[in-house]
N, C-alpha and C. Protein backbone atom coordinates (compact mmCIF):
# COMPACT_ATOMS: atom_id res chain seq x y z
N GLN A 1 -75.30 30.10 266.69
CA GLN A 1 -73.77 30.43 265.84
C GLN A 1 -73.52 31.94 266.55
N VAL A 2 -72.25 32.09 266.81
CA VAL A 2 -71.86 33.45 267.37
C VAL A 2 -71.22 34.13 266.26
N GLN A 3 -71.78 35.26 266.08
CA GLN A 3 -71.21 36.35 265.50
C GLN A 3 -70.82 37.42 265.79
N LEU A 4 -69.69 38.13 265.25
CA LEU A 4 -68.88 39.23 265.79
C LEU A 4 -69.00 40.26 264.44
N GLN A 5 -69.31 41.51 264.86
CA GLN A 5 -69.11 42.62 263.75
C GLN A 5 -68.81 43.77 264.22
N GLU A 6 -67.76 44.22 263.35
CA GLU A 6 -66.90 45.40 263.67
C GLU A 6 -67.66 46.51 263.26
N SER A 7 -67.66 47.63 263.85
CA SER A 7 -68.14 49.02 263.15
C SER A 7 -67.60 50.17 263.57
N GLY A 8 -67.40 51.22 262.74
CA GLY A 8 -66.67 52.84 262.96
C GLY A 8 -65.92 53.06 261.90
N PRO A 9 -65.43 54.29 262.01
CA PRO A 9 -64.97 55.05 260.73
C PRO A 9 -63.66 54.31 260.26
N GLY A 10 -63.53 54.39 259.11
CA GLY A 10 -62.59 53.85 258.17
C GLY A 10 -61.10 54.79 258.07
N LEU A 11 -61.44 55.93 258.33
CA LEU A 11 -60.41 56.95 258.34
C LEU A 11 -60.28 57.87 259.48
N VAL A 12 -59.20 57.97 260.38
CA VAL A 12 -58.98 58.59 261.46
C VAL A 12 -57.62 59.69 261.27
N LYS A 13 -57.80 60.83 261.47
CA LYS A 13 -56.67 61.84 261.65
C LYS A 13 -55.70 61.56 262.83
N PRO A 14 -54.31 61.81 262.14
CA PRO A 14 -53.33 61.54 263.32
C PRO A 14 -53.44 62.54 264.61
N SER A 15 -53.39 62.12 265.41
CA SER A 15 -53.36 62.47 267.02
C SER A 15 -54.62 62.33 267.34
N GLN A 16 -55.75 61.86 266.70
CA GLN A 16 -57.30 62.00 267.32
C GLN A 16 -57.33 60.45 267.88
N THR A 17 -58.67 60.01 268.09
CA THR A 17 -58.88 58.85 268.83
C THR A 17 -59.49 57.97 268.05
N LEU A 18 -59.21 56.75 267.83
CA LEU A 18 -59.85 55.67 266.96
C LEU A 18 -61.06 55.32 267.82
N SER A 19 -61.96 54.91 267.29
CA SER A 19 -63.06 54.38 268.04
C SER A 19 -63.89 53.03 267.34
N LEU A 20 -63.92 52.03 267.73
CA LEU A 20 -64.48 50.90 267.10
C LEU A 20 -65.39 50.02 267.90
N THR A 21 -66.44 49.71 267.53
CA THR A 21 -67.66 48.86 268.40
C THR A 21 -67.35 47.22 267.80
N CYS A 22 -67.73 46.40 268.70
CA CYS A 22 -67.92 45.05 268.22
C CYS A 22 -69.69 44.64 268.85
N SER A 23 -70.20 44.34 267.69
CA SER A 23 -71.54 44.03 267.87
C SER A 23 -71.54 42.23 267.96
N VAL A 24 -71.94 41.82 269.24
CA VAL A 24 -71.94 40.28 269.21
C VAL A 24 -73.39 39.65 269.06
N SER A 25 -73.55 38.78 268.50
CA SER A 25 -74.79 37.96 268.50
C SER A 25 -74.51 36.31 268.76
N GLY A 26 -75.39 35.59 269.36
CA GLY A 26 -75.52 34.30 269.54
C GLY A 26 -74.56 34.04 270.82
N ASP A 27 -74.17 34.93 271.39
CA ASP A 27 -73.39 34.65 272.82
C ASP A 27 -73.77 35.88 273.98
N SER A 28 -73.71 35.87 275.04
CA SER A 28 -73.71 37.15 275.86
C SER A 28 -71.98 37.35 275.96
N ILE A 29 -71.88 38.64 276.14
CA ILE A 29 -70.46 38.95 276.43
C ILE A 29 -70.25 39.02 278.09
N THR A 30 -71.23 38.70 278.61
CA THR A 30 -71.23 38.52 280.24
C THR A 30 -71.11 37.13 280.72
N SER A 31 -71.45 36.23 279.44
CA SER A 31 -71.51 34.73 280.07
C SER A 31 -70.23 34.39 280.39
N ARG A 32 -70.01 33.58 281.46
CA ARG A 32 -68.71 33.14 282.13
C ARG A 32 -67.68 32.50 281.30
N TYR A 33 -66.39 33.21 281.84
CA TYR A 33 -65.24 32.44 281.24
C TYR A 33 -64.96 32.97 279.67
N LYS A 34 -65.73 33.86 279.24
CA LYS A 34 -65.38 34.30 277.89
C LYS A 34 -64.67 35.80 277.72
N TYR A 35 -63.94 35.74 277.09
CA TYR A 35 -62.96 37.16 276.93
C TYR A 35 -63.05 37.68 275.50
N TRP A 36 -63.19 39.02 275.40
CA TRP A 36 -63.70 39.38 274.41
C TRP A 36 -62.49 40.43 274.08
N SER A 37 -62.00 39.93 272.70
CA SER A 37 -60.80 40.82 272.62
C SER A 37 -60.61 41.51 271.20
N TRP A 38 -59.60 42.53 271.37
CA TRP A 38 -59.25 43.01 270.12
C TRP A 38 -58.04 42.84 269.43
N ILE A 39 -57.90 42.59 268.22
CA ILE A 39 -56.84 42.35 267.69
C ILE A 39 -56.29 43.14 266.15
N ARG A 40 -55.19 43.26 266.07
CA ARG A 40 -55.18 44.08 264.59
C ARG A 40 -54.15 43.68 263.95
N GLN A 41 -54.01 43.81 262.62
CA GLN A 41 -52.88 43.41 261.69
C GLN A 41 -52.65 44.60 260.62
N SER A 42 -51.34 44.98 261.06
CA SER A 42 -50.81 46.39 259.96
C SER A 42 -50.43 45.69 258.60
N PRO A 43 -50.56 46.32 257.52
CA PRO A 43 -49.85 45.96 256.42
C PRO A 43 -48.67 45.32 256.44
N GLY A 44 -48.65 44.33 256.00
CA GLY A 44 -47.34 43.50 255.72
C GLY A 44 -46.96 42.88 257.07
N LYS A 45 -47.67 42.78 258.17
CA LYS A 45 -47.30 42.55 259.62
C LYS A 45 -48.18 41.34 260.02
N GLY A 46 -47.75 40.70 261.02
CA GLY A 46 -48.37 39.71 261.72
C GLY A 46 -49.51 40.19 262.69
N LEU A 47 -50.34 39.43 263.12
CA LEU A 47 -51.74 40.02 264.21
C LEU A 47 -51.04 40.07 265.54
N GLU A 48 -51.61 41.45 265.91
CA GLU A 48 -51.13 41.92 267.18
C GLU A 48 -52.42 42.26 268.03
N TRP A 49 -52.20 41.51 269.24
CA TRP A 49 -53.42 41.28 270.39
C TRP A 49 -53.45 42.84 271.00
N ILE A 50 -54.35 43.40 271.12
CA ILE A 50 -54.64 44.93 271.72
C ILE A 50 -54.92 44.62 273.52
N GLY A 51 -55.94 43.84 273.44
CA GLY A 51 -56.39 43.66 274.64
C GLY A 51 -57.63 43.02 274.74
N TYR A 52 -58.13 42.84 275.96
CA TYR A 52 -59.46 42.09 276.08
C TYR A 52 -60.23 42.98 277.31
N ILE A 53 -61.60 42.38 277.20
CA ILE A 53 -62.47 42.71 278.31
C ILE A 53 -63.28 41.27 278.64
N ALA A 54 -63.14 40.98 280.00
CA ALA A 54 -63.27 39.57 280.36
C ALA A 54 -64.95 39.80 280.61
N TYR A 55 -65.56 38.63 280.75
CA TYR A 55 -67.08 38.30 281.33
C TYR A 55 -67.45 39.21 282.59
N SER A 56 -66.41 39.42 283.39
CA SER A 56 -66.34 39.86 284.74
C SER A 56 -66.33 41.61 284.53
N GLY A 57 -66.21 42.03 283.17
CA GLY A 57 -65.73 43.37 282.95
C GLY A 57 -64.37 44.36 283.39
N SER A 58 -63.41 42.95 284.01
CA SER A 58 -62.13 43.51 283.99
C SER A 58 -61.51 43.56 282.71
N THR A 59 -60.60 44.40 282.43
CA THR A 59 -59.82 44.54 281.24
C THR A 59 -58.23 44.15 281.53
N TYR A 60 -57.96 44.03 280.03
CA TYR A 60 -56.33 43.83 280.32
C TYR A 60 -55.82 44.19 278.76
N TYR A 61 -54.45 44.88 278.70
CA TYR A 61 -53.75 45.53 277.32
C TYR A 61 -52.74 44.84 277.19
N SER A 62 -52.10 44.78 276.04
CA SER A 62 -50.77 44.61 275.68
C SER A 62 -50.23 45.85 276.18
N PRO A 63 -48.78 45.29 276.69
CA PRO A 63 -48.31 46.37 277.46
C PRO A 63 -47.64 47.48 276.54
N SER A 64 -47.51 47.09 275.15
CA SER A 64 -46.93 48.04 274.23
C SER A 64 -48.04 49.30 273.73
N LEU A 65 -49.43 49.11 274.21
CA LEU A 65 -50.48 49.76 273.69
C LEU A 65 -51.38 50.09 275.10
N GLN A 66 -50.76 49.72 276.38
CA GLN A 66 -51.79 50.13 277.36
C GLN A 66 -51.79 51.20 277.61
N SER A 67 -51.09 52.25 277.27
CA SER A 67 -50.95 53.75 277.58
C SER A 67 -52.00 54.40 276.53
N ARG A 68 -52.31 53.71 275.49
CA ARG A 68 -53.29 54.24 274.57
C ARG A 68 -54.63 53.74 274.53
N ALA A 69 -54.83 52.21 274.80
CA ALA A 69 -56.03 51.70 274.36
C ALA A 69 -56.88 51.63 275.60
N SER A 70 -58.31 51.51 275.28
CA SER A 70 -59.21 51.49 276.31
C SER A 70 -60.38 50.63 275.81
N ILE A 71 -60.71 49.43 276.40
CA ILE A 71 -61.99 48.44 276.17
C ILE A 71 -63.10 48.95 277.15
N SER A 72 -64.46 49.09 276.74
CA SER A 72 -65.43 49.05 277.28
C SER A 72 -66.58 48.06 276.78
N ARG A 73 -67.62 48.18 277.63
CA ARG A 73 -68.78 47.34 277.19
C ARG A 73 -69.87 47.91 277.26
N ASP A 74 -71.01 47.49 276.43
CA ASP A 74 -72.42 47.78 276.94
C ASP A 74 -72.93 46.75 277.02
N SER A 75 -73.62 46.09 277.99
CA SER A 75 -73.86 44.98 278.07
C SER A 75 -75.39 44.82 277.56
N SER A 76 -76.19 46.07 277.98
CA SER A 76 -77.66 45.88 277.45
C SER A 76 -77.89 45.56 275.87
N ASN A 77 -76.81 46.03 275.18
CA ASN A 77 -76.58 45.95 273.51
C ASN A 77 -75.69 44.91 273.49
N ASN A 78 -75.23 44.33 274.10
CA ASN A 78 -74.09 43.16 273.87
C ASN A 78 -73.40 43.54 272.92
N GLN A 79 -72.48 44.53 273.31
CA GLN A 79 -71.27 45.47 272.65
C GLN A 79 -70.27 45.50 273.25
N PHE A 80 -68.92 45.50 272.67
CA PHE A 80 -67.93 46.21 273.17
C PHE A 80 -67.18 47.06 272.28
N SER A 81 -66.35 47.87 273.14
CA SER A 81 -65.78 48.71 272.10
C SER A 81 -64.11 49.15 272.39
N LEU A 82 -63.51 49.44 271.43
CA LEU A 82 -62.24 50.21 271.81
C LEU A 82 -61.77 51.42 271.37
N GLN A 83 -61.07 52.04 272.13
CA GLN A 83 -60.77 53.44 271.98
C GLN A 83 -59.31 53.46 271.93
N LEU A 84 -58.48 54.00 271.03
CA LEU A 84 -57.18 54.11 270.92
C LEU A 84 -56.82 55.74 270.59
N SER A 85 -56.16 55.98 271.50
CA SER A 85 -55.95 57.35 271.40
C SER A 85 -54.50 58.01 270.84
N SER A 86 -54.27 59.25 270.68
CA SER A 86 -53.31 59.51 269.97
C SER A 86 -52.69 58.80 268.60
N VAL A 87 -53.55 58.74 267.69
CA VAL A 87 -53.26 57.59 266.68
C VAL A 87 -52.18 58.34 265.95
N THR A 88 -51.47 57.08 265.26
CA THR A 88 -50.33 57.50 264.03
C THR A 88 -50.48 56.74 263.19
N PRO A 89 -49.82 57.26 261.82
CA PRO A 89 -50.13 56.12 260.52
C PRO A 89 -49.71 54.81 261.00
N GLU A 90 -48.74 54.71 261.96
CA GLU A 90 -48.53 53.08 262.26
C GLU A 90 -49.56 52.41 262.88
N ASP A 91 -50.57 53.30 263.21
CA ASP A 91 -52.01 52.49 263.88
C ASP A 91 -52.87 52.11 262.66
N THR A 92 -52.21 52.37 261.53
CA THR A 92 -53.09 51.91 260.37
C THR A 92 -53.22 50.24 260.12
N ALA A 93 -54.52 49.76 260.36
CA ALA A 93 -54.62 48.45 260.25
C ALA A 93 -55.86 47.69 259.89
N VAL A 94 -56.15 46.45 259.89
CA VAL A 94 -57.02 45.64 259.86
C VAL A 94 -57.54 45.38 261.41
N TYR A 95 -58.72 45.90 261.94
CA TYR A 95 -58.83 45.51 263.47
C TYR A 95 -59.85 44.96 263.42
N TYR A 96 -59.84 43.59 264.30
CA TYR A 96 -60.72 42.44 264.39
C TYR A 96 -61.25 42.35 265.90
N CYS A 97 -62.33 41.97 266.23
CA CYS A 97 -62.73 41.66 267.20
C CYS A 97 -62.87 40.21 267.45
N ALA A 98 -62.78 39.51 268.45
CA ALA A 98 -62.64 37.95 268.59
C ALA A 98 -63.23 37.70 269.94
N ARG A 99 -63.73 36.33 270.09
CA ARG A 99 -64.04 35.75 271.59
C ARG A 99 -62.83 34.91 271.63
N TYR A 100 -62.25 34.85 272.98
CA TYR A 100 -61.65 33.96 273.50
C TYR A 100 -62.12 33.23 274.54
N GLU A 101 -62.02 31.75 274.38
CA GLU A 101 -62.52 30.98 275.34
C GLU A 101 -61.58 29.78 275.50
N THR A 102 -61.24 28.95 276.66
CA THR A 102 -60.58 27.95 276.49
C THR A 102 -59.28 27.69 275.79
N GLY A 103 -58.48 28.69 275.84
CA GLY A 103 -57.33 28.84 275.12
C GLY A 103 -57.59 28.96 273.38
N TRP A 104 -58.45 29.39 273.06
CA TRP A 104 -58.67 29.44 271.50
C TRP A 104 -59.47 31.09 271.40
N PHE A 105 -58.81 31.71 270.31
CA PHE A 105 -59.74 32.65 269.48
C PHE A 105 -60.79 31.93 268.67
N ASP A 106 -61.82 31.63 269.21
CA ASP A 106 -62.65 30.68 268.25
C ASP A 106 -63.67 31.35 267.49
N TYR A 107 -63.92 32.86 267.68
CA TYR A 107 -64.91 33.38 266.89
C TYR A 107 -64.46 34.84 266.47
N TRP A 108 -64.40 35.21 265.38
CA TRP A 108 -63.85 36.46 264.86
C TRP A 108 -64.72 37.04 264.02
N GLY A 109 -64.68 38.33 264.15
CA GLY A 109 -65.27 39.49 262.98
C GLY A 109 -64.65 39.31 261.86
N LYS A 110 -65.18 39.81 260.89
CA LYS A 110 -64.49 40.01 259.39
C LYS A 110 -63.49 41.21 259.18
N GLY A 111 -63.37 41.70 260.43
CA GLY A 111 -62.22 42.88 260.38
C GLY A 111 -63.05 44.15 259.77
N THR A 112 -62.26 45.12 260.01
CA THR A 112 -62.29 46.57 259.39
C THR A 112 -61.07 47.40 259.36
N LEU A 113 -60.78 47.70 258.25
CA LEU A 113 -59.73 48.54 257.83
C LEU A 113 -59.90 49.91 258.21
N VAL A 114 -59.01 50.51 259.11
CA VAL A 114 -58.83 51.90 259.52
C VAL A 114 -57.48 52.45 259.19
N THR A 115 -57.58 53.37 258.53
CA THR A 115 -56.45 54.24 257.95
C THR A 115 -56.22 55.28 258.91
N VAL A 116 -55.10 55.52 259.15
CA VAL A 116 -54.79 56.93 260.02
C VAL A 116 -54.28 57.81 258.95
N SER A 117 -54.74 58.80 258.63
CA SER A 117 -54.14 59.98 257.67
C SER A 117 -54.82 61.29 257.98
N SER A 118 -53.92 62.29 257.16
CA SER A 118 -54.65 63.74 257.22
C SER A 118 -55.09 63.89 255.89
């Protein structure tokens, strides 16, 4: 069974960098044709895809967040991480990590709430 678990601070100050880690079990983040994504949902809004890191290590971001988002991985610990710089209160959201394979986000973490506030 594939499991994903988000971790990181629940409160970040404006202008600082949000940092989250997703720990994966039951699958390898380097296994072929898997794409490991970050997705968020702000209060009262729909899901917003942030970006992914592929099995190959390549990354791709939403154009709206590309200038501030960075996704990296630690293959030895089977984890991948999100950094979002220069956050504002509009970045307050529940952040999810998810696995994408053959057209579906088939496994999700439970999500973690990050609040941006001074």
